[in-house]
Amino acid sequence: MFDLDSKAFKGKAITALRGSALAALLLVALSFSLAPSNAADLSKVPPTEAEFKIAKDNLAAAPKDFKAHLALAELYKRAGSNREAVKEYAATTELNPSCYVAYHQMAYSNPDSATVEAAIERLNKLKEEKPRDLLLRVALSELLEQRKEFYHAARTLVDLLYQNAVPEQHVAKVNSRIRLLLGKAKDMQTLEKARGLEDEMEVVPPPLPEASLRRNLHASKIKEPKVMPGVGHAPLLP
């Protein structure tokens, strides 16, 4: 969601992934500045059996290598197997808690609530260790958004702005995302209020017309209606 075409972000991504081929994946997956003609959309290309075999062999050879888990996760995501992809993204973040791309991809792979909860807990701990890390704060915001905690997702980024931890070239995009999240929070609040009114109307039945007319009147003040003799009070036959 940020312009990762800048030298600073490219350098950070490549360093984080130790110069591996996954650095290219990070740039393609997250850069919004690349035109479609300049970057192939790998997410729409189904993986081959050969790719799966290589990825699984690499993982078997190095089960503690977060890059191997991330590579396999990407293949599962391309294959439409989100459940398996989420497991591998989670394994990636366990081995390398600072791997933003794993959190980002996880957030948009229909993760289960338990996995999201664990990832959020991990990112909250990292927030204390790396309070000015923009990518990790964005990852936390994305996962909170998936949990529909829109206000907290926005607040996470607002705090970063107050710390002057957002590079000038990304301030506009961060502000745009904050506005989007606050808009979602407001819409949800409006919807919840509307649902609350509907529930209240269902629980409390409307008063009967007679009760409405006689509300707050003492019994002594309610006079019996006058009825003509023989009408409505016909005597019983002997």
Protein backbone atom coordinates (compact mmCIF):
# COMPACT_ATOMS: atom_id res chain seq x y z
CA MET A 1 0.00 0.00 0.00
CA PHE A 2 3.06 2.21 0.00
CA ASP A 3 5.34 3.27 -2.82
CA LEU A 4 8.01 0.64 -2.48
CA ASP A 5 9.66 1.71 -5.71
CA SER A 6 11.83 4.11 -3.73
CA LYS A 7 15.46 3.16 -3.13
CA ALA A 8 14.97 3.23 0.64
CA PHE A 9 12.18 0.69 0.62
CA LYS A 10 13.87 -1.51 -1.96
CA GLY A 11 17.01 -1.55 0.10
CA LYS A 12 15.12 -2.40 3.27
CA ALA A 13 13.19 -5.20 1.56
CA ILE A 14 16.25 -6.76 -0.01
CA THR A 15 18.22 -6.54 3.23
CA ALA A 16 15.36 -8.10 5.21
CA LEU A 17 15.17 -11.01 2.80
CA ARG A 18 18.95 -11.33 2.54
CA GLY A 19 19.06 -10.70 -1.18
CA SER A 20 16.87 -13.69 -1.99
CA ALA A 21 14.43 -13.97 -4.86
CA LEU A 22 11.66 -13.24 -2.36
CA ALA A 23 12.79 -9.62 -2.31
CA ALA A 24 11.35 -9.33 -5.79
CA LEU A 25 8.12 -10.88 -4.52
CA LEU A 26 7.88 -8.24 -1.81
CA LEU A 27 8.31 -5.42 -4.28
CA VAL A 28 5.77 -6.85 -6.72
CA ALA A 29 3.20 -7.70 -4.06
CA LEU A 30 3.26 -4.37 -2.23
CA SER A 31 4.29 -1.67 -4.69
CA PHE A 32 1.44 0.43 -5.99
CA SER A 33 3.69 2.53 -8.19
CA LEU A 34 4.51 -0.23 -10.67
CA ALA A 35 2.40 -0.23 -13.79
CA PRO A 36 0.81 -3.54 -14.88
CA SER A 37 3.04 -3.59 -17.93
CA ASN A 38 6.14 -3.39 -15.76
CA ALA A 39 5.29 -6.09 -13.23
CA ALA A 40 3.71 -9.47 -13.83
CA ASP A 41 0.75 -10.24 -11.60
CA LEU A 42 1.97 -13.58 -10.29
CA SER A 43 -1.07 -13.99 -8.07
CA LYS A 44 -3.19 -14.82 -11.14
CA VAL A 45 -0.81 -17.47 -12.46
CA PRO A 46 -1.56 -20.94 -11.01
CA PRO A 47 1.57 -22.66 -9.71
CA THR A 48 2.87 -25.80 -11.37
CA GLU A 49 3.51 -29.14 -9.68
CA ALA A 50 7.20 -28.58 -10.25
CA GLU A 51 7.07 -25.29 -8.32
CA PHE A 52 5.30 -26.99 -5.43
CA LYS A 53 7.84 -29.80 -5.37
CA ILE A 54 10.77 -27.41 -5.29
CA ALA A 55 9.17 -25.31 -2.53
CA LYS A 56 8.33 -28.35 -0.40
CA ASP A 57 11.78 -29.82 -0.89
CA ASN A 58 13.35 -26.53 0.16
CA LEU A 59 11.15 -26.43 3.26
CA ALA A 60 11.99 -30.03 4.15
CA ALA A 61 15.68 -29.20 3.86
CA ALA A 62 15.39 -26.05 5.99
CA PRO A 63 12.23 -26.16 8.15
CA LYS A 64 13.41 -23.18 10.23
CA ASP A 65 13.95 -20.94 7.21
CA PHE A 66 11.17 -18.35 7.13
CA LYS A 67 11.83 -17.72 3.44
CA ALA A 68 11.00 -21.34 2.63
CA HIS A 69 7.67 -21.06 4.46
CA LEU A 70 6.90 -17.77 2.76
CA ALA A 71 7.65 -19.17 -0.69
CA LEU A 72 5.33 -22.14 -0.10
CA ALA A 73 2.64 -19.83 1.28
CA GLU A 74 2.72 -17.78 -1.90
CA LEU A 75 2.26 -20.90 -4.01
CA TYR A 76 -0.74 -21.96 -1.93
CA LYS A 77 -2.23 -18.48 -2.27
CA ARG A 78 -1.78 -18.55 -6.04
CA ALA A 79 -3.47 -21.95 -6.08
CA GLY A 80 -6.44 -20.55 -4.15
CA SER A 81 -5.68 -22.68 -1.07
CA ASN A 82 -6.00 -19.88 1.46
CA ARG A 83 -6.19 -22.15 4.49
CA GLU A 84 -2.81 -23.73 3.75
CA ALA A 85 -1.40 -20.35 2.77
CA VAL A 86 -2.42 -18.81 6.09
CA LYS A 87 -0.70 -21.62 7.99
CA GLU A 88 2.56 -20.97 6.15
CA TYR A 89 2.27 -17.19 6.57
CA ALA A 90 1.77 -17.76 10.30
CA ALA A 91 4.82 -20.02 10.41
CA THR A 92 6.78 -17.31 8.61
CA THR A 93 5.89 -14.70 11.22
CA GLU A 94 6.75 -17.08 14.05
CA LEU A 95 10.23 -17.57 12.62
CA ASN A 96 10.64 -13.93 11.58
CA PRO A 97 8.22 -11.68 13.50
CA SER A 98 9.35 -8.64 11.48
CA CYS A 99 8.39 -10.05 8.06
CA TYR A 100 5.80 -7.50 6.93
CA VAL A 101 4.93 -9.23 3.66
CA ALA A 102 3.76 -12.35 5.54
CA TYR A 103 1.38 -10.31 7.71
CA HIS A 104 0.15 -8.37 4.70
CA GLN A 105 -0.56 -11.46 2.63
CA MET A 106 -2.11 -13.23 5.60
CA ALA A 107 -4.53 -10.35 6.18
CA TYR A 108 -5.93 -10.74 2.67
CA SER A 109 -6.11 -14.55 2.65
CA ASN A 110 -9.27 -14.94 4.75
CA PRO A 111 -7.41 -15.89 7.95
CA ASP A 112 -9.15 -17.59 10.86
CA SER A 113 -9.72 -15.59 14.03
CA ALA A 114 -7.18 -17.53 16.11
CA THR A 115 -4.39 -16.86 13.60
CA VAL A 116 -5.29 -13.18 13.41
CA GLU A 117 -5.32 -12.93 17.21
CA ALA A 118 -1.86 -14.51 17.47
CA ALA A 119 -0.47 -12.23 14.76
CA ILE A 120 -1.90 -9.12 16.43
CA GLU A 121 -0.41 -10.16 19.76
CA ARG A 122 2.97 -10.65 18.10
CA LEU A 123 2.81 -7.25 16.39
CA ASN A 124 1.79 -5.50 19.61
CA LYS A 125 4.92 -6.86 21.27
CA LEU A 126 7.00 -5.70 18.32
CA LYS A 127 5.42 -2.26 18.62
CA GLU A 128 7.18 -1.90 21.97
CA GLU A 129 10.50 -3.09 20.56
CA LYS A 130 10.25 -1.15 17.28
CA PRO A 131 7.83 1.72 17.94
CA ARG A 132 8.75 3.61 14.77
CA ASP A 133 8.65 0.72 12.28
CA LEU A 134 6.18 1.85 9.62
CA LEU A 135 5.69 -1.49 7.87
CA LEU A 136 4.97 -3.41 11.06
CA ARG A 137 2.50 -0.75 12.17
CA VAL A 138 0.76 -0.97 8.80
CA ALA A 139 0.60 -4.76 9.19
CA LEU A 140 -1.05 -4.35 12.60
CA SER A 141 -3.53 -1.89 11.10
CA GLU A 142 -4.41 -4.31 8.29
CA LEU A 143 -5.06 -7.19 10.68
CA LEU A 144 -7.18 -5.01 12.97
CA GLU A 145 -9.15 -3.97 9.91
CA GLN A 146 -9.78 -7.64 9.08
CA ARG A 147 -11.20 -8.02 12.59
CA LYS A 148 -13.43 -5.01 11.88
CA GLU A 149 -11.76 -2.95 14.61
CA PHE A 150 -11.61 0.03 12.29
CA TYR A 151 -11.09 2.70 14.95
CA HIS A 152 -8.13 0.88 16.50
CA ALA A 153 -6.73 0.18 13.03
CA ALA A 154 -6.78 3.93 12.34
CA ARG A 155 -5.44 4.85 15.79
CA THR A 156 -2.43 2.60 15.19
CA LEU A 157 -1.41 4.79 12.25
CA VAL A 158 -2.36 8.07 13.93
CA ASP A 159 0.05 7.30 16.77
CA LEU A 160 2.78 6.77 14.21
CA LEU A 161 2.11 10.19 12.69
CA TYR A 162 2.30 11.84 16.11
CA GLN A 163 5.69 10.21 16.60
CA ASN A 164 6.87 11.71 13.29
CA ALA A 165 7.76 8.16 12.25
CA VAL A 166 6.21 8.35 8.78
CA PRO A 167 8.55 9.45 5.98
CA GLU A 168 7.33 12.61 4.27
CA GLN A 169 6.71 10.84 0.97
CA HIS A 170 4.26 8.43 2.66
CA VAL A 171 2.32 10.87 4.86
CA ALA A 172 -0.40 11.45 2.26
CA LYS A 173 -1.02 7.72 1.82
CA VAL A 174 -1.08 7.12 5.55
CA ASN A 175 -3.56 9.96 6.02
CA SER A 176 -5.70 8.55 3.22
CA ARG A 177 -5.81 5.17 4.91
CA ILE A 178 -6.67 6.75 8.26
CA ARG A 179 -9.61 8.58 6.67
CA LEU A 180 -10.77 5.35 5.04
CA LEU A 181 -10.66 3.44 8.33
CA LEU A 182 -12.41 6.20 10.29
CA GLY A 183 -15.10 6.25 7.61
CA LYS A 184 -15.61 2.51 8.04
CA ALA A 185 -15.73 2.97 11.82
CA LYS A 186 -18.43 5.63 11.47
CA ASP A 187 -20.46 3.49 9.07
CA MET A 188 -20.29 0.53 11.47
CA GLN A 189 -21.37 2.71 14.39
CA THR A 190 -24.35 3.98 12.39
CA LEU A 191 -25.30 0.44 11.42
CA GLU A 192 -25.06 -0.78 15.01
CA LYS A 193 -27.30 2.07 16.20
CA ALA A 194 -29.86 1.21 13.53
CA ARG A 195 -29.79 -2.45 14.53
CA GLY A 196 -30.16 -1.47 18.18
CA LEU A 197 -33.30 0.51 17.41
CA GLU A 198 -34.73 -2.39 15.42
CA ASP A 199 -34.03 -4.80 18.28
CA GLU A 200 -35.65 -2.44 20.76
CA MET A 201 -38.77 -2.18 18.63
CA GLU A 202 -38.97 -5.96 18.45
CA VAL A 203 -38.54 -6.44 22.22
CA VAL A 204 -40.94 -3.70 23.40
CA PRO A 205 -44.37 -4.08 21.76
CA PRO A 206 -46.21 -0.87 20.88
CA PRO A 207 -48.94 0.14 23.38
CA LEU A 208 -52.55 -0.71 22.60
CA PRO A 209 -54.69 2.21 21.44
CA GLU A 210 -56.86 2.09 24.57
CA ALA A 211 -53.77 2.06 26.79
CA SER A 212 -52.41 5.06 24.94
CA LEU A 213 -55.62 7.03 25.43
CA ARG A 214 -55.91 6.23 29.10
CA ARG A 215 -52.23 6.54 30.05
CA ASN A 216 -51.63 8.28 33.40
CA LEU A 217 -55.36 8.38 34.20
CA HIS A 218 -56.59 7.12 37.57
CA ALA A 219 -59.29 4.48 37.52
CA SER A 220 -61.71 6.92 39.18
CA LYS A 221 -61.37 9.29 36.25
CA ILE A 222 -62.26 6.68 33.65
CA LYS A 223 -66.05 6.77 33.26
CA GLU A 224 -68.02 3.93 31.87
CA PRO A 225 -69.43 4.78 28.48
CA LYS A 226 -73.11 5.52 28.36
CA VAL A 227 -75.06 2.72 26.71
CA MET A 228 -78.69 2.96 25.72
CA PRO A 229 -80.97 0.58 27.69
CA GLY A 230 -81.43 -2.74 25.95
CA VAL A 231 -78.32 -2.27 23.87
CA GLY A 232 -75.47 -4.45 24.87
CA HIS A 233 -77.07 -5.26 28.22
CA ALA A 234 -80.11 -7.33 27.29
CA PRO A 235 -81.44 -9.18 30.38
CA LEU A 236 -81.22 -12.93 30.42
CA LEU A 237 -84.45 -14.73 29.62
CA PRO A 238 -86.05 -16.44 32.59
